[in-house]
Amino acid sequence: MAVIEKIKSKGIPVVVVLISGRPMIINSALKDANAFVAAWLPGTEGEGVADVLFGDYKFTGKLSHSWPDSMEQIPINFGDKNYNPLFKYGYGLSY
């Protein structure tokens, strides 16, 4: 049994936190996760990410670009003829 399956079998939620400066192909990570957080260049300490993960602040943020589903979609732009991204332009949360 894979590590993630063991964790989930105990009822522990799995959160994927991607720290990057651009969209990545994340399909394999998403299939095992209960939640996904894109932490765009959070700095050296990542304190802001920890604050929302532990509930001190609410999650907010919307994509200012489209997030590709596969390498074949790159580049992907809103309005493209075959526009079908993993996450569309403007996807995200706000409270």
Protein backbone atom coordinates (compact mmCIF):
# COMPACT_ATOMS: atom_id res chain seq x y z
CA MET A 1 0.00 0.00 0.00
CA ALA A 2 1.38 3.40 -0.99
CA VAL A 3 2.13 5.95 1.72
CA ILE A 4 -0.68 8.29 0.64
CA GLU A 5 -3.19 5.41 0.64
CA LYS A 6 -2.13 4.48 4.20
CA ILE A 7 -2.56 8.07 5.35
CA LYS A 8 -5.98 8.41 3.70
CA SER A 9 -7.14 5.02 5.07
CA LYS A 10 -6.69 6.47 8.57
CA GLY A 11 -9.01 9.36 7.68
CA ILE A 12 -6.20 11.93 7.45
CA PRO A 13 -6.78 14.46 4.67
CA VAL A 14 -3.97 14.89 2.14
CA VAL A 15 -3.17 18.43 1.02
CA VAL A 16 -0.79 19.03 -1.88
CA VAL A 17 1.05 22.35 -1.59
CA LEU A 18 2.79 23.29 -4.84
CA ILE A 19 5.46 25.92 -4.41
CA SER A 20 6.36 27.25 -7.84
CA GLY A 21 6.34 30.34 -9.98
CA ARG A 22 4.37 28.89 -12.87
CA PRO A 23 1.71 26.26 -13.57
CA MET A 24 2.98 22.69 -13.54
CA ILE A 25 1.39 19.47 -14.83
CA ILE A 26 -0.14 18.21 -11.58
CA ASN A 27 -2.71 15.60 -12.59
CA SER A 28 -1.02 12.72 -10.72
CA ALA A 29 -0.82 14.73 -7.48
CA LEU A 30 -4.45 15.86 -7.75
CA LYS A 31 -5.85 12.34 -8.04
CA ASP A 32 -4.56 11.44 -4.55
CA ALA A 33 -5.22 14.77 -2.83
CA ASN A 34 -8.20 16.01 -0.85
CA ALA A 35 -7.07 19.59 -1.48
CA PHE A 36 -4.57 21.46 -3.63
CA VAL A 37 -2.87 24.77 -2.86
CA ALA A 38 -0.77 26.69 -5.37
CA ALA A 39 1.64 28.73 -3.23
CA TRP A 40 3.19 31.17 -5.68
CA LEU A 41 6.70 32.00 -4.50
CA PRO A 42 5.78 32.34 -0.80
CA GLY A 43 9.19 33.63 0.29
CA THR A 44 11.89 31.97 2.36
CA GLU A 45 9.74 31.21 5.38
CA GLY A 46 6.37 30.37 3.80
CA GLU A 47 4.61 31.85 6.81
CA GLY A 48 1.59 33.01 4.80
CA VAL A 49 1.00 29.47 3.49
CA ALA A 50 1.20 28.04 7.01
CA ASP A 51 -1.26 30.68 8.26
CA VAL A 52 -3.98 29.56 5.86
CA LEU A 53 -3.24 25.82 6.19
CA PHE A 54 -3.74 26.06 9.96
CA GLY A 55 -6.86 28.23 9.70
CA ASP A 56 -5.49 31.57 10.92
CA TYR A 57 -6.61 33.18 7.64
CA LYS A 58 -9.05 32.16 4.91
CA PHE A 59 -7.83 31.01 1.53
CA THR A 60 -8.25 33.54 -1.27
CA GLY A 61 -6.94 33.80 -4.79
CA LYS A 62 -7.95 33.48 -8.41
CA LEU A 63 -5.88 32.46 -11.39
CA SER A 64 -4.72 35.27 -13.62
CA HIS A 65 -4.01 32.69 -16.34
CA SER A 66 -5.23 29.29 -17.48
CA TRP A 67 -3.67 26.16 -15.96
CA PRO A 68 -2.85 23.50 -18.59
CA ASP A 69 -4.04 19.91 -18.31
CA SER A 70 -1.10 18.48 -20.26
CA MET A 71 2.13 19.48 -21.99
CA GLU A 72 0.32 19.30 -25.33
CA GLN A 73 -1.79 22.32 -24.31
CA ILE A 74 1.17 24.63 -23.78
CA PRO A 75 0.81 27.47 -24.52
CA ILE A 76 -2.86 27.72 -23.50
CA ASN A 77 -4.78 30.95 -23.62
CA PHE A 78 -8.33 31.95 -22.84
CA GLY A 79 -10.21 32.03 -26.13
CA ASP A 80 -8.10 29.38 -27.90
CA LYS A 81 -10.10 27.22 -30.33
CA ASN A 82 -9.69 24.03 -28.25
CA TYR A 83 -9.66 25.76 -24.85
CA ASN A 84 -10.05 23.03 -22.20
CA PRO A 85 -7.59 23.68 -19.35
CA LEU A 86 -7.34 21.84 -16.05
CA PHE A 87 -8.26 25.12 -14.32
CA LYS A 88 -9.81 27.97 -16.31
CA TYR A 89 -8.78 31.62 -16.20
CA GLY A 90 -10.21 33.13 -12.99
CA TYR A 91 -10.56 29.79 -11.16
CA GLY A 92 -10.09 29.99 -7.40
CA LEU A 93 -11.57 31.06 -4.11
CA SER A 94 -12.71 34.29 -2.58
CA TYR A 95 -14.55 35.04 0.66
